[in-house]
Amino acid sequence: MSSPRDPDARLRDEAGAITALLSSAKTIAVVGLSSKSHRPSYGVARYLQSAGYRVIPVNPNESEVLGEKCYARLEDIPEKVDIVDIFRRSELVAEVVESSIQIGAHAVWMQEGVVNESAAERARRAGLVVIMDLCIAVELQMRLK
């Protein structure tokens, strides 16, 4: 835990939690994944696939993305999800967090620019690991160097 004498301890704790999460996760549901290759969600999901993760697209407007069946809702996914990676506007995150809790996900990851403190606190209270306002691909790439 951080202390007044060691203000960097919190950052080290968070970095350790991210490393542990990325090391233990196998399946990542990407909420808001688009089939448009120029969209950030597509590039991130493709990178996660190339790193060996099972990526499950979640988007009611898509049927298949990156060779994977796309599900309309998290609740429709028939397998265990370790991380729910969120590519949605901040004001829409609370609903995704509730669904993440319902399916028993281990963690919610709000992509860079996605911030919702109340949804993050709700997820933490339910026992989920919460990463907010960071890009999962960037964090993974830093750890693979």
Protein backbone atom coordinates (compact mmCIF):
# COMPACT_ATOMS: atom_id res chain seq x y z
CA MET A 1 0.00 0.00 0.00
CA SER A 2 1.14 3.54 -0.57
CA SER A 3 2.37 5.67 2.27
CA PRO A 4 3.28 9.33 2.63
CA ARG A 5 6.95 8.29 2.44
CA ASP A 6 6.48 6.33 -0.77
CA PRO A 7 4.05 8.11 -3.10
CA ASP A 8 5.04 5.78 -5.99
CA ALA A 9 3.85 2.66 -4.13
CA ARG A 10 0.30 3.03 -5.44
CA LEU A 11 1.59 3.16 -9.02
CA ARG A 12 3.74 0.07 -8.43
CA ASP A 13 0.75 -1.74 -6.90
CA GLU A 14 -1.39 -0.88 -9.93
CA ALA A 15 1.35 -1.95 -12.34
CA GLY A 16 1.68 -5.26 -10.49
CA ALA A 17 -2.08 -5.80 -10.62
CA ILE A 18 -2.12 -5.14 -14.36
CA THR A 19 0.76 -7.56 -14.93
CA ALA A 20 -0.96 -10.26 -12.88
CA LEU A 21 -4.26 -9.70 -14.69
CA LEU A 22 -2.73 -9.86 -18.16
CA SER A 23 -0.73 -12.96 -17.20
CA SER A 24 -3.69 -14.90 -15.84
CA ALA A 25 -6.38 -13.91 -18.37
CA LYS A 26 -7.18 -16.11 -21.34
CA THR A 27 -10.50 -14.75 -22.65
CA ILE A 28 -11.28 -11.08 -23.28
CA ALA A 29 -14.71 -9.84 -24.33
CA VAL A 30 -14.36 -6.58 -26.24
CA VAL A 31 -17.52 -4.50 -25.85
CA GLY A 32 -17.98 -2.10 -28.74
CA LEU A 33 -15.66 -4.00 -31.08
CA SER A 34 -16.12 -2.77 -34.65
CA SER A 35 -15.42 -4.61 -37.90
CA LYS A 36 -14.02 -1.36 -39.32
CA SER A 37 -10.26 -1.86 -39.44
CA HIS A 38 -9.53 1.85 -38.88
CA ARG A 39 -11.29 1.86 -35.49
CA PRO A 40 -9.14 1.60 -32.34
CA SER A 41 -11.22 -1.31 -31.02
CA TYR A 42 -10.36 -3.37 -34.10
CA GLY A 43 -6.62 -2.74 -33.83
CA VAL A 44 -6.56 -3.48 -30.11
CA ALA A 45 -8.57 -6.69 -30.50
CA ARG A 46 -6.38 -7.85 -33.37
CA TYR A 47 -3.29 -7.23 -31.23
CA LEU A 48 -4.81 -9.16 -28.32
CA GLN A 49 -5.53 -12.09 -30.67
CA SER A 50 -1.94 -12.02 -31.97
CA ALA A 51 -0.72 -12.14 -28.35
CA GLY A 52 -2.67 -15.38 -27.82
CA TYR A 53 -5.84 -14.18 -26.10
CA ARG A 54 -9.27 -15.49 -27.05
CA VAL A 55 -11.15 -12.35 -28.12
CA ILE A 56 -14.94 -12.37 -28.06
CA PRO A 57 -16.59 -9.45 -29.88
CA VAL A 58 -19.63 -7.84 -28.24
CA ASN A 59 -21.61 -5.50 -30.47
CA PRO A 60 -25.30 -5.82 -31.42
CA ASN A 61 -24.56 -4.29 -34.83
CA GLU A 62 -22.01 -6.92 -35.91
CA SER A 63 -22.30 -10.65 -36.65
CA GLU A 64 -18.60 -11.51 -36.90
CA VAL A 65 -15.37 -9.60 -36.23
CA LEU A 66 -11.81 -10.88 -36.66
CA GLY A 67 -13.13 -14.34 -37.49
CA GLU A 68 -15.08 -14.62 -34.23
CA LYS A 69 -18.83 -14.75 -33.72
CA CYS A 70 -20.07 -11.47 -32.33
CA TYR A 71 -22.56 -11.40 -29.45
CA ALA A 72 -25.13 -8.69 -28.88
CA ARG A 73 -24.67 -8.70 -25.09
CA LEU A 74 -22.17 -10.01 -22.56
CA GLU A 75 -24.92 -12.21 -21.14
CA ASP A 76 -25.15 -14.05 -24.49
CA ILE A 77 -21.56 -15.32 -24.34
CA PRO A 78 -21.63 -19.07 -23.58
CA GLU A 79 -18.18 -19.25 -21.98
CA LYS A 80 -16.22 -17.76 -19.10
CA VAL A 81 -14.86 -14.26 -19.64
CA ASP A 82 -11.77 -13.12 -17.73
CA ILE A 83 -11.63 -9.46 -18.81
CA VAL A 84 -14.34 -7.22 -20.23
CA ASP A 85 -12.55 -4.59 -22.33
CA ILE A 86 -14.83 -1.58 -22.80
CA PHE A 87 -14.84 0.58 -25.93
CA ARG A 88 -17.94 2.61 -25.07
CA ARG A 89 -18.54 6.21 -24.05
CA SER A 90 -17.99 6.83 -20.36
CA GLU A 91 -21.68 7.48 -19.70
CA LEU A 92 -22.54 3.99 -21.03
CA VAL A 93 -20.06 2.09 -18.86
CA ALA A 94 -22.37 1.49 -15.86
CA GLU A 95 -24.56 -0.88 -17.88
CA VAL A 96 -21.52 -2.80 -19.10
CA VAL A 97 -20.21 -3.07 -15.54
CA GLU A 98 -23.54 -4.49 -14.36
CA SER A 99 -23.42 -7.07 -17.14
CA SER A 100 -19.79 -7.87 -16.27
CA ILE A 101 -20.80 -8.54 -12.69
CA GLN A 102 -23.71 -10.71 -13.84
CA ILE A 103 -21.52 -12.96 -16.01
CA GLY A 104 -18.87 -13.35 -13.30
CA ALA A 105 -16.05 -11.61 -15.17
CA HIS A 106 -12.81 -11.23 -13.22
CA ALA A 107 -12.07 -7.69 -14.41
CA VAL A 108 -13.36 -4.68 -16.32
CA TRP A 109 -10.93 -2.66 -18.39
CA MET A 110 -12.03 0.81 -19.49
CA GLN A 111 -9.96 1.86 -22.47
CA GLU A 112 -7.98 5.07 -22.65
CA GLY A 113 -10.35 8.04 -22.40
CA VAL A 114 -13.11 5.96 -20.78
CA VAL A 115 -13.66 7.06 -17.19
CA ASN A 116 -16.63 6.36 -14.94
CA GLU A 117 -15.75 6.52 -11.24
CA SER A 118 -19.14 5.37 -9.95
CA ALA A 119 -19.18 2.34 -12.27
CA ALA A 120 -15.60 1.54 -11.26
CA GLU A 121 -16.55 1.66 -7.59
CA ARG A 122 -19.58 -0.57 -8.23
CA ALA A 123 -17.32 -3.12 -9.95
CA ARG A 124 -14.77 -3.00 -7.12
CA ARG A 125 -17.50 -3.52 -4.51
CA ALA A 126 -18.60 -6.60 -6.48
CA GLY A 127 -15.05 -7.96 -6.35
CA LEU A 128 -13.89 -7.17 -9.89
CA VAL A 129 -10.47 -5.82 -10.75
CA VAL A 130 -10.89 -2.40 -12.37
CA ILE A 131 -8.49 -0.76 -14.80
CA MET A 132 -9.58 2.63 -16.07
CA ASP A 133 -8.36 5.10 -18.70
CA LEU A 134 -5.56 2.85 -20.01
CA CYS A 135 -5.16 0.99 -23.30
CA ILE A 136 -4.91 -2.76 -22.74
CA ALA A 137 -2.78 -3.19 -25.89
CA VAL A 138 -0.27 -0.55 -24.77
CA GLU A 139 -0.06 -2.09 -21.30
CA LEU A 140 0.44 -5.57 -22.76
CA GLN A 141 3.05 -4.36 -25.23
CA MET A 142 5.05 -2.68 -22.43
CA ARG A 143 5.10 -5.97 -20.50
CA LEU A 144 6.15 -8.09 -23.49
CA LYS A 145 9.30 -6.05 -24.18
